[in-house]
């Protein structure tokens, strides 16, 4: 009976560890996606800034 309890506990621990692993994989995927979005936004803003700096400026004094 004692070995059955140990097997049951070990199986329960394994299940929890697998759940945590899946959660962490999901979190890492979310973070990677967020990083990609931020990097794309930075590139887009740099392009817009470059375009704005290339346009002639009309200064009225």
N, C-alpha and C. Protein backbone atom coordinates (compact mmCIF):
# COMPACT_ATOMS: atom_id res chain seq x y z
N UNK A 1 0.83 -1.20 0.00
CA UNK A 1 0.00 0.00 0.00
C UNK A 1 0.87 1.25 0.00
N UNK A 2 1.97 1.21 0.73
CA UNK A 2 2.85 2.37 0.82
C UNK A 2 3.38 2.76 -0.57
N UNK A 3 3.74 1.77 -1.38
CA UNK A 3 4.26 2.08 -2.72
C UNK A 3 3.18 2.69 -3.60
N UNK A 4 1.92 2.27 -3.41
CA UNK A 4 0.82 2.86 -4.17
C UNK A 4 0.67 4.35 -3.85
N UNK A 5 0.84 4.69 -2.60
CA UNK A 5 0.75 6.09 -2.17
C UNK A 5 1.88 6.90 -2.81
N UNK A 6 3.08 6.35 -2.81
CA UNK A 6 4.22 7.05 -3.41
C UNK A 6 4.03 7.24 -4.91
N UNK A 7 3.54 6.20 -5.57
CA UNK A 7 3.28 6.30 -7.02
C UNK A 7 2.24 7.38 -7.28
N UNK A 8 1.20 7.40 -6.48
CA UNK A 8 0.12 8.37 -6.64
C UNK A 8 0.65 9.80 -6.43
N UNK A 9 1.45 9.97 -5.38
CA UNK A 9 2.02 11.29 -5.09
C UNK A 9 2.97 11.72 -6.20
N UNK A 10 3.84 10.80 -6.64
CA UNK A 10 4.78 11.11 -7.72
C UNK A 10 4.04 11.47 -9.00
N UNK A 11 2.97 10.75 -9.30
CA UNK A 11 2.18 11.04 -10.49
C UNK A 11 1.54 12.43 -10.37
N UNK A 12 1.04 12.73 -9.17
CA UNK A 12 0.44 14.05 -8.94
C UNK A 12 1.46 15.16 -9.12
N UNK A 13 2.66 14.95 -8.60
CA UNK A 13 3.73 15.94 -8.75
C UNK A 13 4.09 16.10 -10.22
N UNK A 14 4.19 14.99 -10.95
CA UNK A 14 4.50 15.03 -12.37
C UNK A 14 3.45 15.83 -13.13
N UNK A 15 2.19 15.63 -12.80
CA UNK A 15 1.11 16.35 -13.48
C UNK A 15 1.22 17.86 -13.21
N UNK A 16 1.53 18.22 -11.97
CA UNK A 16 1.68 19.65 -11.63
C UNK A 16 2.86 20.25 -12.38
N UNK A 17 3.97 19.52 -12.43
CA UNK A 17 5.15 20.00 -13.13
C UNK A 17 4.85 20.19 -14.62
N UNK A 18 4.12 19.25 -15.22
CA UNK A 18 3.75 19.38 -16.64
C UNK A 18 2.85 20.59 -16.88
N UNK A 19 1.93 20.83 -15.96
CA UNK A 19 1.05 22.00 -16.07
C UNK A 19 1.86 23.30 -15.99
N UNK A 20 2.80 23.34 -15.06
CA UNK A 20 3.66 24.52 -14.92
C UNK A 20 4.50 24.71 -16.18
N UNK A 21 5.01 23.62 -16.72
CA UNK A 21 5.81 23.69 -17.94
C UNK A 21 4.99 24.27 -19.10
N UNK A 22 3.77 23.80 -19.27
CA UNK A 22 2.91 24.32 -20.33
C UNK A 22 2.61 25.80 -20.11
N UNK A 23 2.35 26.18 -18.87
CA UNK A 23 2.08 27.58 -18.54
C UNK A 23 3.28 28.45 -18.91
N UNK A 24 4.48 27.99 -18.54
CA UNK A 24 5.68 28.78 -18.82
C UNK A 24 5.94 28.87 -20.31
N UNK A 25 5.71 27.80 -21.05
CA UNK A 25 5.85 27.84 -22.52
C UNK A 25 4.92 28.89 -23.10
N UNK A 26 3.68 28.90 -22.63
CA UNK A 26 2.70 29.87 -23.12
C UNK A 26 3.14 31.29 -22.79
N UNK A 27 3.60 31.49 -21.57
CA UNK A 27 4.07 32.82 -21.16
C UNK A 27 5.25 33.28 -22.01
N UNK A 28 6.19 32.38 -22.30
CA UNK A 28 7.33 32.74 -23.12
C UNK A 28 6.90 33.08 -24.54
N UNK A 29 5.92 32.36 -25.07
CA UNK A 29 5.42 32.65 -26.40
C UNK A 29 4.74 34.03 -26.43
N UNK A 30 4.00 34.34 -25.39
CA UNK A 30 3.34 35.65 -25.29
C UNK A 30 4.39 36.75 -25.23
N UNK A 31 5.42 36.56 -24.42
CA UNK A 31 6.48 37.57 -24.30
C UNK A 31 7.21 37.75 -25.62
N UNK A 32 7.47 36.66 -26.33
CA UNK A 32 8.16 36.75 -27.62
C UNK A 32 7.30 37.52 -28.62
N UNK A 33 6.01 37.26 -28.61
CA UNK A 33 5.09 37.97 -29.50
C UNK A 33 5.05 39.45 -29.16
N UNK A 34 5.00 39.77 -27.87
CA UNK A 34 4.99 41.16 -27.45
C UNK A 34 6.28 41.86 -27.87
N UNK A 35 7.40 41.16 -27.74
CA UNK A 35 8.69 41.73 -28.14
C UNK A 35 8.70 42.02 -29.64
N UNK A 36 8.17 41.08 -30.44
CA UNK A 36 8.10 41.28 -31.89
C UNK A 36 7.24 42.50 -32.22
N UNK A 37 6.13 42.64 -31.54
CA UNK A 37 5.23 43.78 -31.77
C UNK A 37 5.95 45.08 -31.44
N UNK A 38 6.64 45.12 -30.32
CA UNK A 38 7.37 46.33 -29.92
C UNK A 38 8.47 46.65 -30.92
N UNK A 39 9.22 45.63 -31.35
CA UNK A 39 10.29 45.87 -32.32
C UNK A 39 9.73 46.38 -33.64
N UNK A 40 8.60 45.80 -34.08
CA UNK A 40 7.96 46.27 -35.32
C UNK A 40 7.48 47.71 -35.19
N UNK A 41 6.95 48.05 -34.03
CA UNK A 41 6.49 49.42 -33.81
C UNK A 41 7.66 50.39 -33.84
N UNK A 42 8.78 50.00 -33.25
CA UNK A 42 9.98 50.86 -33.26
C UNK A 42 10.45 51.09 -34.69
N UNK A 43 10.51 50.02 -35.48
CA UNK A 43 10.94 50.15 -36.88
C UNK A 43 9.99 51.07 -37.63
N UNK A 44 8.68 50.88 -37.43
CA UNK A 44 7.70 51.73 -38.12
C UNK A 44 7.87 53.19 -37.73
N UNK A 45 8.09 53.44 -36.45
CA UNK A 45 8.29 54.83 -35.99
C UNK A 45 9.58 55.41 -36.55
N UNK A 46 10.63 54.61 -36.65
CA UNK A 46 11.88 55.09 -37.23
C UNK A 46 11.69 55.46 -38.70
N UNK A 47 10.93 54.65 -39.42
CA UNK A 47 10.65 54.94 -40.84
C UNK A 47 9.87 56.24 -40.95
N UNK A 48 8.85 56.40 -40.13
CA UNK A 48 8.04 57.63 -40.17
C UNK A 48 8.88 58.86 -39.82
N UNK A 49 9.77 58.71 -38.84
CA UNK A 49 10.64 59.82 -38.45
C UNK A 49 11.58 60.19 -39.59
N UNK A 50 12.12 59.17 -40.25
CA UNK A 50 13.01 59.42 -41.39
C UNK A 50 12.26 60.14 -42.50
N UNK A 51 11.03 59.69 -42.79
CA UNK A 51 10.21 60.35 -43.82
C UNK A 51 9.95 61.80 -43.44
N UNK A 52 9.62 62.04 -42.20
CA UNK A 52 9.32 63.40 -41.73
C UNK A 52 10.55 64.28 -41.84
N UNK A 53 11.72 63.74 -41.55
CA UNK A 53 12.95 64.52 -41.63
C UNK A 53 13.38 64.78 -43.07
N UNK A 54 12.94 63.95 -44.00
CA UNK A 54 13.30 64.13 -45.40
C UNK A 54 12.41 65.14 -46.12
N UNK A 55 11.24 65.42 -45.56
CA UNK A 55 10.33 66.37 -46.20
C UNK A 55 10.84 67.79 -45.97
N UNK A 56 10.66 68.65 -47.02
CA UNK A 56 11.09 70.05 -46.85
C UNK A 56 10.27 70.74 -45.76
N UNK A 57 10.94 71.57 -45.01
CA UNK A 57 10.27 72.28 -43.94
C UNK A 57 9.94 73.71 -44.39
N UNK A 58 8.75 74.13 -44.17
CA UNK A 58 8.33 75.50 -44.49
C UNK A 58 8.35 76.32 -43.21
N UNK A 59 9.41 77.11 -43.05
CA UNK A 59 9.53 77.95 -41.86
C UNK A 59 9.08 79.35 -42.23
N UNK A 60 8.12 79.86 -41.51
CA UNK A 60 7.65 81.23 -41.72
C UNK A 60 8.08 82.07 -40.54
N UNK A 61 8.85 83.09 -40.84
CA UNK A 61 9.31 83.99 -39.76
C UNK A 61 8.65 85.32 -39.89
